[in-house]
C-alpha cells in the first residue's frame, strides 16, 4: 500500500515540477503553427507526434486538450499580437486603415480590416492584418454606423 501511495505521490510531484515547462512547450508549438500558417486543429496531432518521436513523457501532463482550450490558446495569441501591433501603431506618426466587406464560403459577410503604418524601429511602412468581423451578427446592415461602432 505504501508503494502505491508513493507512486501516486511521485506522479503528482512530477506533474507540479514540469507544469511550467510543459505549458511553455505547448505554447511554443502553438506559436509555431500560427506563424507557419498551419491550421490550428493540427496542434494535438503535432503534440502527439512530438511526444512519441522525441519521447517527451512530460507532455502526458498537459490536460488541456479540449477544443475550447485550444481555441483559447490561439485566441490569447491573437489578442497579444493585436495589442503589440496597436502599441506599434500608437508610436507611429501616421497610419491608415483599409476595410472591406468580404463574403466567405459559408456566405457569411465579414468585415476585413488591415492597417498600414510607419514603423520607426524598422524605418519602413508596414501593412498588417487587424481583424475579421461578422458585422451582420450585431447589425442589420454593414453601413457606416455599424462599421464605426463595431469592435
N, C-alpha and C. Protein backbone atom coordinates (compact mmCIF):
# COMPACT_ATOMS: atom_id res chain seq x y z
N UNK A 1 0.83 -1.19 0.00
CA UNK A 1 0.00 0.00 0.00
C UNK A 1 0.88 1.26 0.00
N UNK A 2 1.94 1.23 0.76
CA UNK A 2 2.84 2.38 0.84
C UNK A 2 3.50 2.62 -0.51
N UNK A 3 3.84 1.56 -1.23
CA UNK A 3 4.46 1.70 -2.55
C UNK A 3 3.49 2.36 -3.53
N UNK A 4 2.19 1.99 -3.48
CA UNK A 4 1.20 2.60 -4.37
C UNK A 4 1.03 4.07 -4.06
N UNK A 5 0.96 4.40 -2.81
CA UNK A 5 0.82 5.80 -2.42
C UNK A 5 2.04 6.58 -2.87
N UNK A 6 3.20 6.02 -2.71
CA UNK A 6 4.41 6.74 -3.10
C UNK A 6 4.46 6.95 -4.61
N UNK A 7 3.93 5.98 -5.41
CA UNK A 7 3.90 6.15 -6.86
C UNK A 7 2.98 7.32 -7.22
N UNK A 8 1.81 7.37 -6.63
CA UNK A 8 0.88 8.47 -6.92
C UNK A 8 1.46 9.80 -6.45
N UNK A 9 2.11 9.76 -5.32
CA UNK A 9 2.76 10.97 -4.82
C UNK A 9 3.86 11.43 -5.78
N UNK A 10 4.61 10.48 -6.31
CA UNK A 10 5.66 10.82 -7.28
C UNK A 10 5.06 11.43 -8.55
N UNK A 11 3.95 10.89 -9.01
CA UNK A 11 3.28 11.43 -10.21
C UNK A 11 2.81 12.86 -9.98
N UNK A 12 2.19 13.11 -8.85
CA UNK A 12 1.71 14.46 -8.54
C UNK A 12 2.87 15.42 -8.41
N UNK A 13 3.92 14.99 -7.76
CA UNK A 13 5.10 15.83 -7.59
C UNK A 13 5.75 16.13 -8.94
N UNK A 14 5.88 15.11 -9.79
CA UNK A 14 6.47 15.29 -11.12
C UNK A 14 5.62 16.24 -11.96
N UNK A 15 4.30 16.09 -11.88
CA UNK A 15 3.40 16.96 -12.65
C UNK A 15 3.57 18.42 -12.24
N UNK A 16 3.66 18.67 -10.95
CA UNK A 16 3.81 20.06 -10.50
C UNK A 16 5.20 20.62 -10.86
N UNK A 17 6.20 19.76 -10.92
CA UNK A 17 7.56 20.20 -11.27
C UNK A 17 7.68 20.60 -12.74
N UNK A 18 7.01 19.86 -13.61
CA UNK A 18 7.18 20.10 -15.05
C UNK A 18 6.05 20.93 -15.66
N UNK A 19 5.11 21.38 -14.85
CA UNK A 19 3.94 22.09 -15.37
C UNK A 19 4.32 23.31 -16.20
N UNK A 20 5.23 24.13 -15.71
CA UNK A 20 5.63 25.34 -16.43
C UNK A 20 6.33 25.01 -17.74
N UNK A 21 7.25 24.06 -17.71
CA UNK A 21 7.97 23.72 -18.94
C UNK A 21 7.06 23.07 -19.97
N UNK A 22 6.09 22.28 -19.53
CA UNK A 22 5.13 21.67 -20.47
C UNK A 22 4.28 22.75 -21.12
N UNK A 23 3.78 23.69 -20.33
CA UNK A 23 2.98 24.78 -20.90
C UNK A 23 3.80 25.64 -21.85
N UNK A 24 5.05 25.90 -21.52
CA UNK A 24 5.91 26.66 -22.43
C UNK A 24 6.09 25.91 -23.75
N UNK A 25 6.29 24.60 -23.67
CA UNK A 25 6.45 23.80 -24.88
C UNK A 25 5.19 23.79 -25.73
N UNK A 26 4.04 23.65 -25.10
CA UNK A 26 2.77 23.64 -25.84
C UNK A 26 2.51 25.00 -26.48
N UNK A 27 2.73 26.07 -25.75
CA UNK A 27 2.52 27.40 -26.31
C UNK A 27 3.53 27.69 -27.42
N UNK A 28 4.75 27.21 -27.28
CA UNK A 28 5.74 27.38 -28.36
C UNK A 28 5.30 26.63 -29.61
N UNK A 29 4.74 25.45 -29.43
CA UNK A 29 4.25 24.67 -30.56
C UNK A 29 3.07 25.38 -31.23
N UNK A 30 2.16 25.90 -30.43
CA UNK A 30 1.02 26.63 -30.97
C UNK A 30 1.48 27.89 -31.71
N UNK A 31 2.48 28.56 -31.17
CA UNK A 31 3.03 29.75 -31.82
C UNK A 31 3.66 29.39 -33.16
N UNK A 32 4.37 28.27 -33.20
CA UNK A 32 4.96 27.80 -34.46
C UNK A 32 3.87 27.54 -35.51
N UNK A 33 2.80 26.88 -35.10
CA UNK A 33 1.68 26.63 -36.02
C UNK A 33 1.12 27.93 -36.56
N UNK A 34 0.93 28.88 -35.68
CA UNK A 34 0.34 30.16 -36.06
C UNK A 34 1.26 30.92 -37.02
N UNK A 35 2.54 30.99 -36.71
CA UNK A 35 3.48 31.74 -37.55
C UNK A 35 3.73 31.05 -38.88
N UNK A 36 3.54 29.73 -38.94
CA UNK A 36 3.76 28.98 -40.17
C UNK A 36 2.48 28.83 -41.00
N UNK A 37 1.41 29.46 -40.55
CA UNK A 37 0.11 29.40 -41.24
C UNK A 37 -0.38 27.97 -41.40
N UNK A 38 -0.19 27.17 -40.36
CA UNK A 38 -0.69 25.80 -40.33
C UNK A 38 -1.98 25.81 -39.51
N UNK A 39 -2.96 25.04 -39.94
CA UNK A 39 -4.27 25.03 -39.28
C UNK A 39 -4.13 24.71 -37.79
N UNK A 40 -4.88 25.46 -36.98
CA UNK A 40 -4.77 25.27 -35.53
C UNK A 40 -5.29 23.92 -35.06
N UNK A 41 -6.08 23.24 -35.88
CA UNK A 41 -6.56 21.90 -35.49
C UNK A 41 -5.43 20.87 -35.54
N UNK A 42 -4.27 21.25 -36.03
CA UNK A 42 -3.12 20.35 -36.08
C UNK A 42 -2.30 20.38 -34.79
N UNK A 43 -2.75 21.14 -33.78
CA UNK A 43 -1.99 21.25 -32.54
C UNK A 43 -1.88 19.90 -31.83
N UNK A 44 -3.00 19.22 -31.61
CA UNK A 44 -2.94 17.93 -30.91
C UNK A 44 -2.17 16.86 -31.67
N UNK A 45 -2.40 16.70 -32.99
CA UNK A 45 -1.57 15.71 -33.70
C UNK A 45 -0.07 16.04 -33.63
N UNK A 46 0.27 17.32 -33.68
CA UNK A 46 1.69 17.69 -33.58
C UNK A 46 2.23 17.40 -32.19
N UNK A 47 1.45 17.68 -31.15
CA UNK A 47 1.90 17.37 -29.79
C UNK A 47 2.07 15.86 -29.60
N UNK A 48 1.14 15.08 -30.15
CA UNK A 48 1.26 13.62 -30.06
C UNK A 48 2.51 13.13 -30.79
N UNK A 49 2.77 13.72 -31.96
CA UNK A 49 3.97 13.37 -32.73
C UNK A 49 5.24 13.69 -31.94
N UNK A 50 5.27 14.88 -31.36
CA UNK A 50 6.44 15.30 -30.58
C UNK A 50 6.63 14.38 -29.38
N UNK A 51 5.53 14.03 -28.74
CA UNK A 51 5.61 13.17 -27.56
C UNK A 51 6.18 11.79 -27.91
N UNK A 52 5.76 11.24 -29.05
CA UNK A 52 6.21 9.90 -29.43
C UNK A 52 7.63 9.91 -30.02
N UNK A 53 7.90 10.83 -30.93
CA UNK A 53 9.19 10.84 -31.61
C UNK A 53 10.33 11.23 -30.67
N UNK A 54 10.10 12.29 -29.89
CA UNK A 54 11.17 12.78 -29.02
C UNK A 54 11.10 12.19 -27.62
N UNK A 55 10.17 11.27 -27.42
CA UNK A 55 10.00 10.57 -26.14
C UNK A 55 9.88 11.55 -24.98
N UNK A 56 9.06 12.55 -25.15
CA UNK A 56 8.83 13.53 -24.10
C UNK A 56 7.63 13.07 -23.26
N UNK A 57 7.92 12.32 -22.24
CA UNK A 57 6.87 11.78 -21.39
C UNK A 57 6.14 12.87 -20.61
N UNK A 58 6.79 14.01 -20.44
CA UNK A 58 6.17 15.09 -19.66
C UNK A 58 4.93 15.66 -20.34
N UNK A 59 4.80 15.51 -21.65
CA UNK A 59 3.62 16.03 -22.35
C UNK A 59 2.34 15.33 -21.93
N UNK A 60 2.44 14.18 -21.32
CA UNK A 60 1.23 13.49 -20.84
C UNK A 60 0.56 14.29 -19.73
N UNK A 61 1.28 15.20 -19.10
CA UNK A 61 0.73 16.03 -18.04
C UNK A 61 -0.05 17.23 -18.57
N UNK A 62 -0.04 17.43 -19.88
CA UNK A 62 -0.82 18.53 -20.46
C UNK A 62 -2.27 18.05 -20.59
N UNK A 63 -3.13 18.54 -19.72
CA UNK A 63 -4.51 18.06 -19.64
C UNK A 63 -5.50 18.96 -20.37
N UNK A 64 -5.04 20.00 -21.00
CA UNK A 64 -5.95 20.96 -21.64
C UNK A 64 -6.03 20.68 -23.14
N UNK A 65 -6.61 19.57 -23.50
CA UNK A 65 -6.63 19.13 -24.89
C UNK A 65 -7.99 19.30 -25.56
N UNK A 66 -8.94 19.89 -24.89
CA UNK A 66 -10.27 20.06 -25.48
C UNK A 66 -10.24 21.15 -26.55
N UNK A 67 -11.25 21.14 -27.41
CA UNK A 67 -11.33 22.14 -28.48
C UNK A 67 -11.44 23.55 -27.90
N UNK A 68 -12.15 23.69 -26.79
CA UNK A 68 -12.30 25.01 -26.16
C UNK A 68 -10.96 25.53 -25.66
N UNK A 69 -10.16 24.65 -25.05
CA UNK A 69 -8.85 25.06 -24.56
C UNK A 69 -7.92 25.45 -25.71
N UNK A 70 -7.97 24.69 -26.79
CA UNK A 70 -7.14 25.02 -27.94
C UNK A 70 -7.56 26.36 -28.53
N UNK A 71 -8.86 26.59 -28.63
CA UNK A 71 -9.35 27.88 -29.14
C UNK A 71 -8.89 29.02 -28.26
N UNK A 72 -8.91 28.79 -26.96
CA UNK A 72 -8.49 29.83 -26.02
C UNK A 72 -7.00 30.14 -26.17
N UNK A 73 -6.20 29.13 -26.41
CA UNK A 73 -4.76 29.33 -26.62
C UNK A 73 -4.54 30.24 -27.82
N UNK A 74 -5.19 29.93 -28.94
CA UNK A 74 -4.99 30.73 -30.15
C UNK A 74 -5.64 32.10 -30.02
N UNK A 75 -6.75 32.19 -29.30
CA UNK A 75 -7.38 33.49 -29.05
C UNK A 75 -6.44 34.39 -28.25
N UNK A 76 -5.81 33.82 -27.22
CA UNK A 76 -4.86 34.60 -26.41
C UNK A 76 -3.67 35.07 -27.24
N UNK A 77 -3.17 34.20 -28.13
CA UNK A 77 -2.09 34.62 -29.03
C UNK A 77 -2.54 35.80 -29.89
N UNK A 78 -3.73 35.69 -30.45
CA UNK A 78 -4.25 36.75 -31.31
C UNK A 78 -4.40 38.06 -30.57
N UNK A 79 -4.94 38.01 -29.37
CA UNK A 79 -5.10 39.23 -28.58
C UNK A 79 -3.75 39.85 -28.22
N UNK A 80 -2.79 39.01 -27.88
CA UNK A 80 -1.45 39.51 -27.54
C UNK A 80 -0.79 40.17 -28.75
N UNK A 81 -0.91 39.53 -29.90
CA UNK A 81 -0.32 40.11 -31.12
C UNK A 81 -1.03 41.40 -31.52
N UNK A 82 -2.35 41.44 -31.33
CA UNK A 82 -3.11 42.65 -31.65
C UNK A 82 -2.68 43.81 -30.75
N UNK A 83 -2.50 43.53 -29.45
CA UNK A 83 -2.05 44.58 -28.53
C UNK A 83 -0.66 45.08 -28.91
N UNK A 84 0.23 44.15 -29.30
CA UNK A 84 1.57 44.54 -29.72
C UNK A 84 1.52 45.40 -30.98
N UNK A 85 0.69 45.00 -31.93
CA UNK A 85 0.53 45.76 -33.17
C UNK A 85 0.00 47.15 -32.88
N UNK A 86 -1.04 47.24 -32.06
CA UNK A 86 -1.62 48.55 -31.75
C UNK A 86 -0.66 49.43 -30.97
N UNK A 87 0.20 48.81 -30.18
CA UNK A 87 1.24 49.57 -29.48
C UNK A 87 2.20 50.20 -30.48
N UNK A 88 2.59 49.44 -31.51
CA UNK A 88 3.47 49.97 -32.56
C UNK A 88 2.77 51.07 -33.35
N UNK A 89 1.48 50.89 -33.62
CA UNK A 89 0.72 51.88 -34.38
C UNK A 89 0.62 53.19 -33.60
N UNK A 90 0.43 53.11 -32.29
CA UNK A 90 0.32 54.31 -31.46
C UNK A 90 1.61 55.13 -31.47
N UNK A 91 2.74 54.46 -31.66
CA UNK A 91 4.04 55.14 -31.73
C UNK A 91 4.27 55.78 -33.09
N UNK A 92 3.49 55.37 -34.07
CA UNK A 92 3.68 55.84 -35.44
C UNK A 92 3.09 57.24 -35.61
N UNK A 93 3.76 58.09 -36.39
CA UNK A 93 3.22 59.43 -36.64
C UNK A 93 2.00 59.42 -37.56
N UNK A 94 1.84 58.36 -38.33
CA UNK A 94 0.70 58.29 -39.26
C UNK A 94 0.34 56.83 -39.51
N UNK A 95 -0.94 56.61 -39.77
CA UNK A 95 -1.39 55.27 -40.11
C UNK A 95 -2.64 55.38 -40.98
N UNK A 96 -2.96 54.30 -41.66
CA UNK A 96 -4.15 54.24 -42.48
C UNK A 96 -4.84 52.90 -42.28
N UNK A 97 -6.15 52.90 -42.46
CA UNK A 97 -6.94 51.67 -42.29
C UNK A 97 -7.64 51.36 -43.59
N UNK A 98 -7.55 50.11 -44.01
CA UNK A 98 -8.26 49.63 -45.18
C UNK A 98 -9.26 48.60 -44.69
N UNK A 99 -10.52 48.79 -45.00
CA UNK A 99 -11.55 47.85 -44.58
C UNK A 99 -12.48 47.58 -45.75
N UNK A 100 -12.91 46.33 -45.86
CA UNK A 100 -13.79 45.95 -46.95
C UNK A 100 -14.63 44.77 -46.51
N UNK A 101 -15.78 44.66 -47.11
CA UNK A 101 -16.69 43.56 -46.81
C UNK A 101 -16.37 42.38 -47.74
N UNK A 102 -16.23 41.20 -47.16
CA UNK A 102 -15.87 40.01 -47.92
C UNK A 102 -16.85 38.90 -47.56
N UNK A 103 -17.26 38.14 -48.55
CA UNK A 103 -18.17 37.02 -48.32
C UNK A 103 -17.36 35.73 -48.38
N UNK A 104 -17.50 34.89 -47.35
CA UNK A 104 -16.73 33.65 -47.33
C UNK A 104 -17.54 32.48 -47.88
N UNK A 105 -17.00 31.28 -47.80
CA UNK A 105 -17.62 30.11 -48.41
C UNK A 105 -18.97 29.76 -47.78
N UNK A 106 -19.17 30.14 -46.52
CA UNK A 106 -20.44 29.87 -45.85
C UNK A 106 -21.44 31.00 -46.06
N UNK A 107 -21.16 31.89 -47.01
CA UNK A 107 -21.99 33.04 -47.37
C UNK A 107 -22.20 33.95 -46.15
N UNK A 108 -21.19 34.05 -45.33
CA UNK A 108 -21.19 34.99 -44.21
C UNK A 108 -20.41 36.21 -44.64
N UNK A 109 -21.01 37.36 -44.47
CA UNK A 109 -20.33 38.60 -44.85
C UNK A 109 -19.46 39.06 -43.69
N UNK A 110 -18.17 39.18 -43.93
CA UNK A 110 -17.21 39.58 -42.92
C UNK A 110 -16.59 40.92 -43.29
N UNK A 111 -16.27 41.67 -42.27
CA UNK A 111 -15.59 42.94 -42.46
C UNK A 111 -14.11 42.71 -42.18
N UNK A 112 -13.28 42.76 -43.22
CA UNK A 112 -11.84 42.56 -43.09
C UNK A 112 -11.18 43.92 -42.93
N UNK A 113 -10.25 44.02 -41.98
CA UNK A 113 -9.58 45.28 -41.73
C UNK A 113 -8.07 45.08 -41.69
N UNK A 114 -7.37 45.92 -42.43
CA UNK A 114 -5.91 45.94 -42.44
C UNK A 114 -5.47 47.33 -42.01
N UNK A 115 -4.28 47.41 -41.43
CA UNK A 115 -3.75 48.70 -41.02
C UNK A 115 -2.35 48.86 -41.61
N UNK A 116 -2.09 50.07 -42.08
CA UNK A 116 -0.77 50.39 -42.63
C UNK A 116 -0.22 51.55 -41.82
N UNK A 117 1.03 51.43 -41.40
CA UNK A 117 1.63 52.45 -40.54
C UNK A 117 3.14 52.50 -40.77
N UNK A 118 3.73 53.58 -40.31
CA UNK A 118 5.18 53.72 -40.40
C UNK A 118 5.77 53.18 -39.10
N UNK A 119 6.64 52.18 -39.22
CA UNK A 119 7.30 51.59 -38.07
C UNK A 119 8.67 52.26 -37.92
N UNK A 120 8.81 53.05 -36.86
CA UNK A 120 10.05 53.80 -36.67
C UNK A 120 11.22 52.89 -36.29
N UNK A 121 10.94 51.73 -35.72
CA UNK A 121 12.01 50.80 -35.35
C UNK A 121 12.69 50.23 -36.59
N UNK A 122 11.87 49.75 -37.53
CA UNK A 122 12.43 49.17 -38.76
C UNK A 122 12.57 50.21 -39.87
N UNK A 123 12.10 51.42 -39.61
CA UNK A 123 12.13 52.53 -40.57
C UNK A 123 11.53 52.13 -41.91
N UNK A 124 10.34 51.52 -41.83
CA UNK A 124 9.64 51.12 -43.05
C UNK A 124 8.14 51.20 -42.83
N UNK A 125 7.42 51.17 -43.93
CA UNK A 125 5.97 51.15 -43.87
C UNK A 125 5.52 49.69 -43.77
N UNK A 126 4.67 49.39 -42.79
CA UNK A 126 4.21 48.02 -42.56
C UNK A 126 2.71 47.94 -42.79
N UNK A 127 2.27 46.85 -43.39
CA UNK A 127 0.85 46.58 -43.56
C UNK A 127 0.56 45.28 -42.82
N UNK A 128 -0.40 45.33 -41.91
CA UNK A 128 -0.71 44.17 -41.07
C UNK A 128 -2.22 43.91 -41.06
N UNK A 129 -2.58 42.64 -40.95
CA UNK A 129 -3.97 42.26 -40.76
C UNK A 129 -4.39 42.68 -39.36
N UNK A 130 -5.56 43.29 -39.24
CA UNK A 130 -6.02 43.77 -37.93
C UNK A 130 -7.19 42.95 -37.41
N UNK A 131 -8.23 42.72 -38.25
CA UNK A 131 -9.37 41.97 -37.73
C UNK A 131 -10.26 41.44 -38.85
N UNK A 132 -11.08 40.49 -38.47
CA UNK A 132 -12.12 39.93 -39.33
C UNK A 132 -13.36 39.80 -38.46
N UNK A 133 -14.42 40.51 -38.83
CA UNK A 133 -15.62 40.51 -38.01
C UNK A 133 -16.85 40.21 -38.84
N UNK A 134 -17.75 39.43 -38.26
CA UNK A 134 -19.06 39.22 -38.86
C UNK A 134 -19.94 40.36 -38.40
N UNK A 135 -19.96 41.40 -39.17
CA UNK A 135 -20.64 42.62 -38.75
C UNK A 135 -22.15 42.48 -38.74
N UNK A 136 -22.69 41.57 -39.55
CA UNK A 136 -24.14 41.39 -39.61
C UNK A 136 -24.69 40.60 -38.42
N UNK A 137 -23.82 40.05 -37.59
CA UNK A 137 -24.31 39.36 -36.39
C UNK A 137 -24.83 40.35 -35.35
N UNK A 138 -24.34 41.59 -35.40
CA UNK A 138 -24.76 42.61 -34.44
C UNK A 138 -25.60 43.71 -35.07
N UNK A 139 -25.47 43.90 -36.38
CA UNK A 139 -26.15 45.00 -37.06
C UNK A 139 -26.94 44.46 -38.25
N UNK A 140 -27.96 45.20 -38.66
CA UNK A 140 -28.80 44.74 -39.77
C UNK A 140 -28.13 44.94 -41.13
N UNK A 141 -27.24 45.91 -41.23
CA UNK A 141 -26.51 46.13 -42.48
C UNK A 141 -25.13 46.66 -42.17
N UNK A 142 -24.25 46.53 -43.15
CA UNK A 142 -22.87 46.98 -42.97
C UNK A 142 -22.74 48.43 -43.42
N UNK A 143 -23.43 49.32 -42.72
CA UNK A 143 -23.36 50.74 -43.06
C UNK A 143 -22.27 51.42 -42.22
N UNK A 144 -22.12 52.72 -42.40
CA UNK A 144 -21.05 53.45 -41.71
C UNK A 144 -21.19 53.39 -40.20
N UNK A 145 -22.41 53.46 -39.68
CA UNK A 145 -22.60 53.37 -38.23
C UNK A 145 -22.19 52.01 -37.69
N UNK A 146 -22.53 50.95 -38.41
CA UNK A 146 -22.18 49.61 -37.97
C UNK A 146 -20.67 49.43 -37.98
N UNK A 147 -20.01 49.91 -39.01
CA UNK A 147 -18.55 49.77 -39.11
C UNK A 147 -17.86 50.59 -38.00
N UNK A 148 -18.35 51.79 -37.77
CA UNK A 148 -17.76 52.67 -36.74
C UNK A 148 -17.95 52.09 -35.35
N UNK A 149 -19.13 51.52 -35.06
CA UNK A 149 -19.43 51.04 -33.72
C UNK A 149 -19.03 49.59 -33.48
N UNK A 150 -18.53 48.89 -34.48
CA UNK A 150 -18.11 47.51 -34.26
C UNK A 150 -16.78 47.50 -33.52
N UNK A 151 -16.51 46.42 -32.85
CA UNK A 151 -15.27 46.34 -32.06
C UNK A 151 -14.19 45.86 -32.95
